[in-house]
C-alpha atoms as a PDB file:
ATOM      1  CA  MET A   1       0.025  -0.019   0.041  1.00  0.00           C
ATOM      2  CA  ALA A   2       2.891   2.402  -0.731  1.00  0.00           C
ATOM      3  CA  ASN A   3       1.764   5.945  -1.304  1.00  0.00           C
ATOM      4  CA  GLU A   4      -1.804   5.292  -0.456  1.00  0.00           C
ATOM      5  CA  TRP A   5      -4.097   6.494   2.398  1.00  0.00           C
ATOM      6  CA  ALA A   6      -5.559   3.741   4.544  1.00  0.00           C
ATOM      7  CA  HIS A   7      -7.619   3.671   7.629  1.00  0.00           C
ATOM      8  CA  VAL A   8      -6.227   1.163  10.198  1.00  0.00           C
ATOM      9  CA  ALA A   9      -7.927   0.186  13.418  1.00  0.00           C
ATOM     10  CA  PHE A  10      -7.114  -2.278  16.146  1.00  0.00           C
ATOM     11  CA  ARG A  11      -9.736  -3.636  18.361  1.00  0.00           C
ATOM     12  CA  ILE A  12      -9.407  -5.439  21.793  1.00  0.00           C
ATOM     13  CA  ASP A  13     -12.576  -7.115  22.708  1.00  0.00           C
ATOM     14  CA  ASN A  14     -13.709  -8.000  26.305  1.00  0.00           C
ATOM     15  CA  ASN A  15     -11.980 -11.329  25.964  1.00  0.00           C
ATOM     16  CA  GLY A  16      -8.695  -9.712  25.112  1.00  0.00           C
ATOM     17  CA  THR A  17      -8.760 -10.788  21.471  1.00  0.00           C
ATOM     18  CA  VAL A  18      -6.924  -8.354  19.321  1.00  0.00           C
ATOM     19  CA  SER A  19      -8.176  -7.881  15.645  1.00  0.00           C
ATOM     20  CA  SER A  20      -7.061  -5.342  12.857  1.00  0.00           C
ATOM     21  CA  VAL A  21      -9.491  -3.604  10.581  1.00  0.00           C
ATOM     22  CA  VAL A  22      -8.194  -1.921   7.446  1.00  0.00           C
ATOM     23  CA  ASN A  23     -10.462   0.432   5.467  1.00  0.00           C
ATOM     24  CA  GLY A  24     -13.413  -1.015   7.366  1.00  0.00           C
ATOM     25  CA  VAL A  25     -12.671  -4.671   6.645  1.00  0.00           C
ATOM     26  CA  GLN A  26     -11.512  -7.013   9.407  1.00  0.00           C
ATOM     27  CA  ASN A  27      -8.102  -8.574   8.321  1.00  0.00           C
ATOM     28  CA  VAL A  28      -6.516 -10.406  11.130  1.00  0.00           C
ATOM     29  CA  THR A  29      -7.463 -11.821  14.473  1.00  0.00           C
ATOM     30  CA  THR A  30      -4.546 -12.543  16.685  1.00  0.00           C
ATOM     31  CA  ALA A  31      -3.922 -14.327  19.849  1.00  0.00           C
ATOM     32  CA  LYS A  32      -5.416 -13.097  23.099  1.00  0.00           C
ATOM     33  CA  ILE A  33      -3.602 -10.571  25.191  1.00  0.00           C
ATOM     34  CA  PRO A  34      -2.001 -12.262  28.181  1.00  0.00           C
ATOM     35  CA  ASN A  35      -4.027 -11.998  31.484  1.00  0.00           C
ATOM     36  CA  ASN A  36      -1.229 -10.177  33.186  1.00  0.00           C
ATOM     37  CA  LEU A  37      -1.709  -7.295  30.713  1.00  0.00           C
ATOM     38  CA  LYS A  38      -5.520  -7.513  30.628  1.00  0.00           C
ATOM     39  CA  ASN A  39      -5.710  -6.852  34.371  1.00  0.00           C
ATOM     40  CA  THR A  40      -3.482  -3.759  34.124  1.00  0.00           C
ATOM     41  CA  THR A  41      -5.228  -0.420  34.628  1.00  0.00           C
ATOM     42  CA  THR A  42      -2.606   1.569  32.754  1.00  0.00           C
ATOM     43  CA  TRP A  43      -1.089   0.931  29.312  1.00  0.00           C
ATOM     44  CA  THR A  44       1.505   2.693  27.229  1.00  0.00           C
ATOM     45  CA  LEU A  45       0.165   3.338  23.777  1.00  0.00           C
ATOM     46  CA  ARG A  46       2.946   3.463  21.103  1.00  0.00           C
ATOM     47  CA  VAL A  47       2.210   4.339  17.491  1.00  0.00           C
ATOM     48  CA  GLY A  48       4.847   3.500  15.009  1.00  0.00           C
ATOM     49  CA  ALA A  49       7.274   1.903  17.574  1.00  0.00           C
ATOM     50  CA  ASN A  50       7.579  -1.369  19.440  1.00  0.00           C
ATOM     51  CA  ALA A  51       7.579  -1.874  23.243  1.00  0.00           C
ATOM     52  CA  ASN A  52      11.154  -0.650  23.324  1.00  0.00           C
ATOM     53  CA  GLY A  53      10.423   2.516  21.695  1.00  0.00           C
ATOM     54  CA  PHE A  54      11.844   1.599  18.384  1.00  0.00           C
ATOM     55  CA  GLY A  55      10.215   0.951  15.065  1.00  0.00           C
ATOM     56  CA  ASN A  56      10.277   1.263  11.389  1.00  0.00           C
ATOM     57  CA  PHE A  57       6.994   3.079  10.615  1.00  0.00           C
ATOM     58  CA  GLU A  58       7.393   5.187   7.636  1.00  0.00           C
ATOM     59  CA  GLY A  59       4.344   7.492   6.834  1.00  0.00           C
ATOM     60  CA  ASP A  60       2.135   9.917   8.548  1.00  0.00           C
ATOM     61  CA  VAL A  61      -0.397   9.514  11.302  1.00  0.00           C
ATOM     62  CA  ARG A  62      -3.160  12.095  10.408  1.00  0.00           C
ATOM     63  CA  GLU A  63      -5.513  11.217  13.098  1.00  0.00           C
ATOM     64  CA  LEU A  64      -5.643   9.048  16.176  1.00  0.00           C
ATOM     65  CA  LYS A  65      -8.777   8.093  18.246  1.00  0.00           C
ATOM     66  CA  VAL A  66      -9.058   5.809  21.194  1.00  0.00           C
ATOM     67  CA  TRP A  67     -12.399   4.476  22.517  1.00  0.00           C
ATOM     68  CA  ASP A  68     -12.961   2.723  25.824  1.00  0.00           C
ATOM     69  CA  THR A  69     -15.241   0.062  24.123  1.00  0.00           C
ATOM     70  CA  ALA A  70     -14.678  -2.472  21.311  1.00  0.00           C
ATOM     71  CA  ARG A  71     -16.208  -0.961  18.144  1.00  0.00           C
ATOM     72  CA  SER A  72     -17.902  -3.066  15.514  1.00  0.00           C
ATOM     73  CA  ASN A  73     -16.694  -3.299  11.969  1.00  0.00           C
ATOM     74  CA  ALA A  74     -19.487  -1.110  10.864  1.00  0.00           C
ATOM     75  CA  GLN A  75     -18.759   1.641  13.460  1.00  0.00           C
ATOM     76  CA  ILE A  76     -15.028   1.500  12.388  1.00  0.00           C
ATOM     77  CA  GLY A  77     -16.060   1.621   8.773  1.00  0.00           C
ATOM     78  CA  THR A  78     -18.213   4.761   9.374  1.00  0.00           C
ATOM     79  CA  VAL A  79     -15.260   6.600  10.935  1.00  0.00           C
ATOM     80  CA  ALA A  80     -12.957   5.415   8.049  1.00  0.00           C
ATOM     81  CA  ASN A  81     -15.063   7.213   5.522  1.00  0.00           C
END
């Protein structure tokens, strides 16, 4: 997707399952978040970097939104357009 705009969302549901949604379409569902992270009250959100603060993200982040509930694909698709 070089030189193309894309809306990318990540969702964590109540069970701790992480899924990605690109341009309103769910792509990948990954393993669940470990219990020791699910039960944490604070998280560090990193955009374009890994947990050590390094990464190779090349591009621009035009907008960032964080919700306190898992959004449906339709809700994410509405925001993407």
